[in-house]
Amino acid sequence: HQANARISAGVADALGIPAERVPSNIAEVGN
């Protein structure tokens, strides 16, 4: 769920999943 990029990064970090495995399009489409 992309409310903001920090949430995606925080969840990935907490799970130990590298950033390259976490697609994001928030910069293009917003929240």
PDB file of all heavy atoms in Angstrom:
ATOM      1  N   HIS A   1       0.873  -1.174   0.000  1.00  0.00           N
ATOM      2  CA  HIS A   1       0.000   0.000   0.000  1.00  0.00           C
ATOM      3  C   HIS A   1       0.914   1.229   0.000  1.00  0.00           C
ATOM      4  O   HIS A   1       1.776   1.357   0.852  1.00  0.00           O
ATOM      5  CB  HIS A   1      -0.828  -0.077   1.288  1.00  0.00           C
ATOM      6  CG  HIS A   1      -1.584   1.144   1.648  1.00  0.00           C
ATOM      7  ND1 HIS A   1      -2.940   1.111   1.802  1.00  0.00           N
ATOM      8  CD2 HIS A   1      -1.214   2.408   1.921  1.00  0.00           C
ATOM      9  CE1 HIS A   1      -3.362   2.310   2.162  1.00  0.00           C
ATOM     10  NE2 HIS A   1      -2.328   3.107   2.234  1.00  0.00           N
ATOM     11  N   GLN A   2       0.744   2.116  -0.966  1.00  0.00           N
ATOM     12  CA  GLN A   2       1.648   3.250  -1.136  1.00  0.00           C
ATOM     13  C   GLN A   2       1.026   4.557  -0.667  1.00  0.00           C
ATOM     14  O   GLN A   2       0.656   5.392  -1.474  1.00  0.00           O
ATOM     15  CB  GLN A   2       2.046   3.394  -2.608  1.00  0.00           C
ATOM     16  CG  GLN A   2       2.890   2.284  -3.127  1.00  0.00           C
ATOM     17  CD  GLN A   2       3.397   2.575  -4.508  1.00  0.00           C
ATOM     18  OE1 GLN A   2       4.592   2.572  -4.742  1.00  0.00           O
ATOM     19  NE2 GLN A   2       2.507   2.832  -5.447  1.00  0.00           N
ATOM     20  N   ALA A   3       0.908   4.727   0.638  1.00  0.00           N
ATOM     21  CA  ALA A   3       0.476   6.024   1.139  1.00  0.00           C
ATOM     22  C   ALA A   3       1.627   7.023   1.002  1.00  0.00           C
ATOM     23  O   ALA A   3       1.413   8.191   0.727  1.00  0.00           O
ATOM     24  CB  ALA A   3       0.037   5.924   2.588  1.00  0.00           C
ATOM     25  N   ASN A   4       2.854   6.531   1.227  1.00  0.00           N
ATOM     26  CA  ASN A   4       4.056   7.325   0.973  1.00  0.00           C
ATOM     27  C   ASN A   4       5.249   6.383   0.855  1.00  0.00           C
ATOM     28  O   ASN A   4       5.180   5.223   1.270  1.00  0.00           O
ATOM     29  CB  ASN A   4       4.266   8.421   2.030  1.00  0.00           C
ATOM     30  CG  ASN A   4       4.529   7.869   3.407  1.00  0.00           C
ATOM     31  OD1 ASN A   4       5.462   7.098   3.603  1.00  0.00           O
ATOM     32  ND2 ASN A   4       3.703   8.252   4.368  1.00  0.00           N
ATOM     33  N   ALA A   5       6.310   6.863   0.280  1.00  0.00           N
ATOM     34  CA  ALA A   5       7.475   6.020   0.013  1.00  0.00           C
ATOM     35  C   ALA A   5       8.145   5.532   1.293  1.00  0.00           C
ATOM     36  O   ALA A   5       8.727   4.444   1.308  1.00  0.00           O
ATOM     37  CB  ALA A   5       8.475   6.780  -0.862  1.00  0.00           C
ATOM     38  N   ARG A   6       8.069   6.314   2.368  1.00  0.00           N
ATOM     39  CA  ARG A   6       8.691   5.895   3.630  1.00  0.00           C
ATOM     40  C   ARG A   6       8.049   4.630   4.174  1.00  0.00           C
ATOM     41  O   ARG A   6       8.725   3.792   4.768  1.00  0.00           O
ATOM     42  CB  ARG A   6       8.592   7.010   4.671  1.00  0.00           C
ATOM     43  CG  ARG A   6       9.480   8.180   4.432  1.00  0.00           C
ATOM     44  CD  ARG A   6       9.431   9.134   5.629  1.00  0.00           C
ATOM     45  NE  ARG A   6       8.128   9.137   6.258  1.00  0.00           N
ATOM     46  CZ  ARG A   6       7.295  10.170   6.291  1.00  0.00           C
ATOM     47  NH1 ARG A   6       7.642  11.309   5.746  1.00  0.00           N
ATOM     48  NH2 ARG A   6       6.133  10.082   6.883  1.00  0.00           N
ATOM     49  N   ILE A   7       6.748   4.486   4.002  1.00  0.00           N
ATOM     50  CA  ILE A   7       6.067   3.288   4.504  1.00  0.00           C
ATOM     51  C   ILE A   7       6.555   2.062   3.751  1.00  0.00           C
ATOM     52  O   ILE A   7       6.915   1.046   4.363  1.00  0.00           O
ATOM     53  CB  ILE A   7       4.539   3.434   4.402  1.00  0.00           C
ATOM     54  CG1 ILE A   7       4.057   4.496   5.392  1.00  0.00           C
ATOM     55  CG2 ILE A   7       3.843   2.099   4.658  1.00  0.00           C
ATOM     56  CD1 ILE A   7       2.599   4.860   5.250  1.00  0.00           C
ATOM     57  N   SER A   8       6.602   2.128   2.442  1.00  0.00           N
ATOM     58  CA  SER A   8       7.082   0.995   1.638  1.00  0.00           C
ATOM     59  C   SER A   8       8.501   0.624   2.046  1.00  0.00           C
ATOM     60  O   SER A   8       8.812  -0.557   2.246  1.00  0.00           O
ATOM     61  CB  SER A   8       7.046   1.329   0.151  1.00  0.00           C
ATOM     62  OG  SER A   8       5.744   1.601  -0.271  1.00  0.00           O
ATOM     63  N   ALA A   9       9.358   1.615   2.155  1.00  0.00           N
ATOM     64  CA  ALA A   9      10.751   1.364   2.523  1.00  0.00           C
ATOM     65  C   ALA A   9      10.854   0.801   3.936  1.00  0.00           C
ATOM     66  O   ALA A   9      11.649  -0.120   4.181  1.00  0.00           O
ATOM     67  CB  ALA A   9      11.561   2.654   2.410  1.00  0.00           C
ATOM     68  N   GLY A  10      10.051   1.304   4.849  1.00  0.00           N
ATOM     69  CA  GLY A  10      10.079   0.825   6.229  1.00  0.00           C
ATOM     70  C   GLY A  10       9.629  -0.617   6.356  1.00  0.00           C
ATOM     71  O   GLY A  10      10.239  -1.403   7.089  1.00  0.00           O
ATOM     72  N   VAL A  11       8.568  -0.971   5.656  1.00  0.00           N
ATOM     73  CA  VAL A  11       8.083  -2.353   5.684  1.00  0.00           C
ATOM     74  C   VAL A  11       9.133  -3.282   5.079  1.00  0.00           C
ATOM     75  O   VAL A  11       9.467  -4.323   5.644  1.00  0.00           O
ATOM     76  CB  VAL A  11       6.726  -2.490   4.963  1.00  0.00           C
ATOM     77  CG1 VAL A  11       6.327  -3.949   4.810  1.00  0.00           C
ATOM     78  CG2 VAL A  11       5.644  -1.728   5.709  1.00  0.00           C
ATOM     79  N   ALA A  12       9.680  -2.903   3.929  1.00  0.00           N
ATOM     80  CA  ALA A  12      10.704  -3.721   3.279  1.00  0.00           C
ATOM     81  C   ALA A  12      11.917  -3.896   4.190  1.00  0.00           C
ATOM     82  O   ALA A  12      12.432  -5.011   4.344  1.00  0.00           O
ATOM     83  CB  ALA A  12      11.119  -3.100   1.948  1.00  0.00           C
ATOM     84  N   ASP A  13      12.357  -2.816   4.805  1.00  0.00           N
ATOM     85  CA  ASP A  13      13.507  -2.869   5.697  1.00  0.00           C
ATOM     86  C   ASP A  13      13.228  -3.788   6.888  1.00  0.00           C
ATOM     87  O   ASP A  13      14.061  -4.622   7.248  1.00  0.00           O
ATOM     88  CB  ASP A  13      13.873  -1.458   6.159  1.00  0.00           C
ATOM     89  CG  ASP A  13      15.155  -1.431   6.953  1.00  0.00           C
ATOM     90  OD1 ASP A  13      16.182  -1.932   6.441  1.00  0.00           O
ATOM     91  OD2 ASP A  13      15.136  -0.924   8.099  1.00  0.00           O
ATOM     92  N   ALA A  14      12.060  -3.644   7.489  1.00  0.00           N
ATOM     93  CA  ALA A  14      11.707  -4.470   8.646  1.00  0.00           C
ATOM     94  C   ALA A  14      11.640  -5.955   8.286  1.00  0.00           C
ATOM     95  O   ALA A  14      11.910  -6.813   9.124  1.00  0.00           O
ATOM     96  CB  ALA A  14      10.376  -4.018   9.232  1.00  0.00           C
ATOM     97  N   LEU A  15      11.292  -6.255   7.041  1.00  0.00           N
ATOM     98  CA  LEU A  15      11.203  -7.645   6.587  1.00  0.00           C
ATOM     99  C   LEU A  15      12.520  -8.154   5.996  1.00  0.00           C
ATOM    100  O   LEU A  15      12.639  -9.331   5.667  1.00  0.00           O
ATOM    101  CB  LEU A  15      10.093  -7.788   5.546  1.00  0.00           C
ATOM    102  CG  LEU A  15       8.676  -7.510   6.042  1.00  0.00           C
ATOM    103  CD1 LEU A  15       7.694  -7.526   4.882  1.00  0.00           C
ATOM    104  CD2 LEU A  15       8.266  -8.514   7.126  1.00  0.00           C
ATOM    105  N   GLY A  16      13.485  -7.250   5.817  1.00  0.00           N
ATOM    106  CA  GLY A  16      14.765  -7.641   5.238  1.00  0.00           C
ATOM    107  C   GLY A  16      14.694  -7.881   3.741  1.00  0.00           C
ATOM    108  O   GLY A  16      15.480  -8.654   3.196  1.00  0.00           O
ATOM    109  N   ILE A  17      13.753  -7.218   3.077  1.00  0.00           N
ATOM    110  CA  ILE A  17      13.591  -7.377   1.632  1.00  0.00           C
ATOM    111  C   ILE A  17      14.306  -6.217   0.945  1.00  0.00           C
ATOM    112  O   ILE A  17      14.015  -5.052   1.226  1.00  0.00           O
ATOM    113  CB  ILE A  17      12.092  -7.429   1.253  1.00  0.00           C
ATOM    114  CG1 ILE A  17      11.461  -8.664   1.905  1.00  0.00           C
ATOM    115  CG2 ILE A  17      11.915  -7.445  -0.265  1.00  0.00           C
ATOM    116  CD1 ILE A  17       9.979  -8.777   1.736  1.00  0.00           C
ATOM    117  N   PRO A  18      15.237  -6.512   0.031  1.00  0.00           N
ATOM    118  CA  PRO A  18      15.998  -5.447  -0.632  1.00  0.00           C
ATOM    119  C   PRO A  18      15.103  -4.513  -1.443  1.00  0.00           C
ATOM    120  O   PRO A  18      14.094  -4.937  -2.012  1.00  0.00           O
ATOM    121  CB  PRO A  18      16.951  -6.204  -1.559  1.00  0.00           C
ATOM    122  CG  PRO A  18      16.931  -7.627  -1.117  1.00  0.00           C
ATOM    123  CD  PRO A  18      15.631  -7.847  -0.404  1.00  0.00           C
ATOM    124  N   ALA A  19      15.490  -3.262  -1.512  1.00  0.00           N
ATOM    125  CA  ALA A  19      14.709  -2.227  -2.211  1.00  0.00           C
ATOM    126  C   ALA A  19      14.425  -2.587  -3.664  1.00  0.00           C
ATOM    127  O   ALA A  19      13.354  -2.252  -4.183  1.00  0.00           O
ATOM    128  CB  ALA A  19      15.433  -0.883  -2.133  1.00  0.00           C
ATOM    129  N   GLU A  20      15.337  -3.285  -4.328  1.00  0.00           N
ATOM    130  CA  GLU A  20      15.107  -3.625  -5.742  1.00  0.00           C
ATOM    131  C   GLU A  20      13.976  -4.636  -5.928  1.00  0.00           C
ATOM    132  O   GLU A  20      13.500  -4.836  -7.028  1.00  0.00           O
ATOM    133  CB  GLU A  20      16.385  -4.131  -6.413  1.00  0.00           C
ATOM    134  CG  GLU A  20      16.965  -5.397  -5.845  1.00  0.00           C
ATOM    135  CD  GLU A  20      17.955  -5.185  -4.705  1.00  0.00           C
ATOM    136  OE1 GLU A  20      18.110  -4.051  -4.218  1.00  0.00           O
ATOM    137  OE2 GLU A  20      18.571  -6.175  -4.303  1.00  0.00           O
ATOM    138  N   ARG A  21      13.510  -5.234  -4.844  1.00  0.00           N
ATOM    139  CA  ARG A  21      12.374  -6.160  -4.913  1.00  0.00           C
ATOM    140  C   ARG A  21      11.047  -5.493  -4.536  1.00  0.00           C
ATOM    141  O   ARG A  21      10.033  -6.166  -4.428  1.00  0.00           O
ATOM    142  CB  ARG A  21      12.611  -7.347  -3.989  1.00  0.00           C
ATOM    143  CG  ARG A  21      13.756  -8.223  -4.428  1.00  0.00           C
ATOM    144  CD  ARG A  21      13.847  -9.427  -3.559  1.00  0.00           C
ATOM    145  NE  ARG A  21      15.002 -10.227  -3.922  1.00  0.00           N
ATOM    146  CZ  ARG A  21      15.321 -11.353  -3.317  1.00  0.00           C
ATOM    147  NH1 ARG A  21      14.585 -11.813  -2.336  1.00  0.00           N
ATOM    148  NH2 ARG A  21      16.380 -12.027  -3.700  1.00  0.00           N
ATOM    149  N   VAL A  22      11.089  -4.182  -4.342  1.00  0.00           N
ATOM    150  CA  VAL A  22       9.897  -3.450  -3.915  1.00  0.00           C
ATOM    151  C   VAL A  22       9.554  -2.407  -4.978  1.00  0.00           C
ATOM    152  O   VAL A  22      10.018  -1.270  -4.927  1.00  0.00           O
ATOM    153  CB  VAL A  22      10.128  -2.770  -2.544  1.00  0.00           C
ATOM    154  CG1 VAL A  22       8.841  -2.153  -2.027  1.00  0.00           C
ATOM    155  CG2 VAL A  22      10.676  -3.769  -1.536  1.00  0.00           C
ATOM    156  N   PRO A  23       8.739  -2.795  -5.973  1.00  0.00           N
ATOM    157  CA  PRO A  23       8.379  -1.822  -7.007  1.00  0.00           C
ATOM    158  C   PRO A  23       7.598  -0.654  -6.402  1.00  0.00           C
ATOM    159  O   PRO A  23       6.910  -0.806  -5.395  1.00  0.00           O
ATOM    160  CB  PRO A  23       7.499  -2.610  -7.973  1.00  0.00           C
ATOM    161  CG  PRO A  23       7.392  -3.992  -7.456  1.00  0.00           C
ATOM    162  CD  PRO A  23       8.106  -4.081  -6.159  1.00  0.00           C
ATOM    163  N   SER A  24       7.727   0.476  -7.037  1.00  0.00           N
ATOM    164  CA  SER A  24       6.998   1.664  -6.602  1.00  0.00           C
ATOM    165  C   SER A  24       6.654   2.507  -7.817  1.00  0.00           C
ATOM    166  O   SER A  24       7.447   2.595  -8.751  1.00  0.00           O
ATOM    167  CB  SER A  24       7.858   2.476  -5.634  1.00  0.00           C
ATOM    168  OG  SER A  24       7.195   3.668  -5.274  1.00  0.00           O
ATOM    169  N   ASN A  25       5.488   3.095  -7.785  1.00  0.00           N
ATOM    170  CA  ASN A  25       5.117   4.072  -8.811  1.00  0.00           C
ATOM    171  C   ASN A  25       4.539   5.329  -8.172  1.00  0.00           C
ATOM    172  O   ASN A  25       3.902   6.125  -8.835  1.00  0.00           O
ATOM    173  CB  ASN A  25       4.163   3.466  -9.854  1.00  0.00           C
ATOM    174  CG  ASN A  25       2.840   3.007  -9.258  1.00  0.00           C
ATOM    175  OD1 ASN A  25       2.588   3.176  -8.066  1.00  0.00           O
ATOM    176  ND2 ASN A  25       2.002   2.422 -10.083  1.00  0.00           N
ATOM    177  N   ILE A  26       4.802   5.508  -6.890  1.00  0.00           N
ATOM    178  CA  ILE A  26       4.241   6.651  -6.160  1.00  0.00           C
ATOM    179  C   ILE A  26       4.724   7.979  -6.745  1.00  0.00           C
ATOM    180  O   ILE A  26       3.985   8.962  -6.748  1.00  0.00           O
ATOM    181  CB  ILE A  26       4.509   6.549  -4.645  1.00  0.00           C
ATOM    182  CG1 ILE A  26       3.587   7.498  -3.892  1.00  0.00           C
ATOM    183  CG2 ILE A  26       5.970   6.766  -4.314  1.00  0.00           C
ATOM    184  CD1 ILE A  26       3.509   7.241  -2.404  1.00  0.00           C
ATOM    185  N   ALA A  27       5.948   8.013  -7.278  1.00  0.00           N
ATOM    186  CA  ALA A  27       6.457   9.252  -7.872  1.00  0.00           C
ATOM    187  C   ALA A  27       5.656   9.650  -9.106  1.00  0.00           C
ATOM    188  O   ALA A  27       5.535  10.830  -9.423  1.00  0.00           O
ATOM    189  CB  ALA A  27       7.937   9.104  -8.228  1.00  0.00           C
ATOM    190  N   GLU A  28       5.093   8.656  -9.796  1.00  0.00           N
ATOM    191  CA  GLU A  28       4.314   8.932 -11.002  1.00  0.00           C
ATOM    192  C   GLU A  28       2.827   9.139 -10.726  1.00  0.00           C
ATOM    193  O   GLU A  28       2.183   9.931 -11.402  1.00  0.00           O
ATOM    194  CB  GLU A  28       4.454   7.776 -12.012  1.00  0.00           C
ATOM    195  CG  GLU A  28       5.831   7.620 -12.614  1.00  0.00           C
ATOM    196  CD  GLU A  28       6.806   6.890 -11.697  1.00  0.00           C
ATOM    197  OE1 GLU A  28       6.378   6.065 -10.872  1.00  0.00           O
ATOM    198  OE2 GLU A  28       8.007   7.176 -11.802  1.00  0.00           O
ATOM    199  N   VAL A  29       2.278   8.409  -9.757  1.00  0.00           N
ATOM    200  CA  VAL A  29       0.821   8.438  -9.554  1.00  0.00           C
ATOM    201  C   VAL A  29       0.374   9.026  -8.224  1.00  0.00           C
ATOM    202  O   VAL A  29      -0.814   9.234  -8.011  1.00  0.00           O
ATOM    203  CB  VAL A  29       0.201   7.021  -9.721  1.00  0.00           C
ATOM    204  CG1 VAL A  29       0.461   6.483 -11.106  1.00  0.00           C
ATOM    205  CG2 VAL A  29       0.704   6.068  -8.659  1.00  0.00           C
ATOM    206  N   GLY A  30       1.312   9.255  -7.313  1.00  0.00           N
ATOM    207  CA  GLY A  30       0.945   9.799  -6.008  1.00  0.00           C
ATOM    208  C   GLY A  30       0.380   8.733  -5.091  1.00  0.00           C
ATOM    209  O   GLY A  30       0.521   7.541  -5.321  1.00  0.00           O
ATOM    210  N   ASN A  31      -0.275   9.177  -4.033  1.00  0.00           N
ATOM    211  CA  ASN A  31      -0.852   8.293  -3.035  1.00  0.00           C
ATOM    212  C   ASN A  31      -2.118   7.670  -3.604  1.00  0.00           C
ATOM    213  O   ASN A  31      -3.152   8.311  -3.680  1.00  0.00           O
ATOM    214  CB  ASN A  31      -1.158   9.077  -1.759  1.00  0.00           C
ATOM    215  CG  ASN A  31      -1.822   8.228  -0.692  1.00  0.00           C
ATOM    216  OD1 ASN A  31      -2.130   7.059  -0.891  1.00  0.00           O
ATOM    217  ND2 ASN A  31      -2.047   8.832   0.454  1.00  0.00           N
TER     218      ASN A  31
END
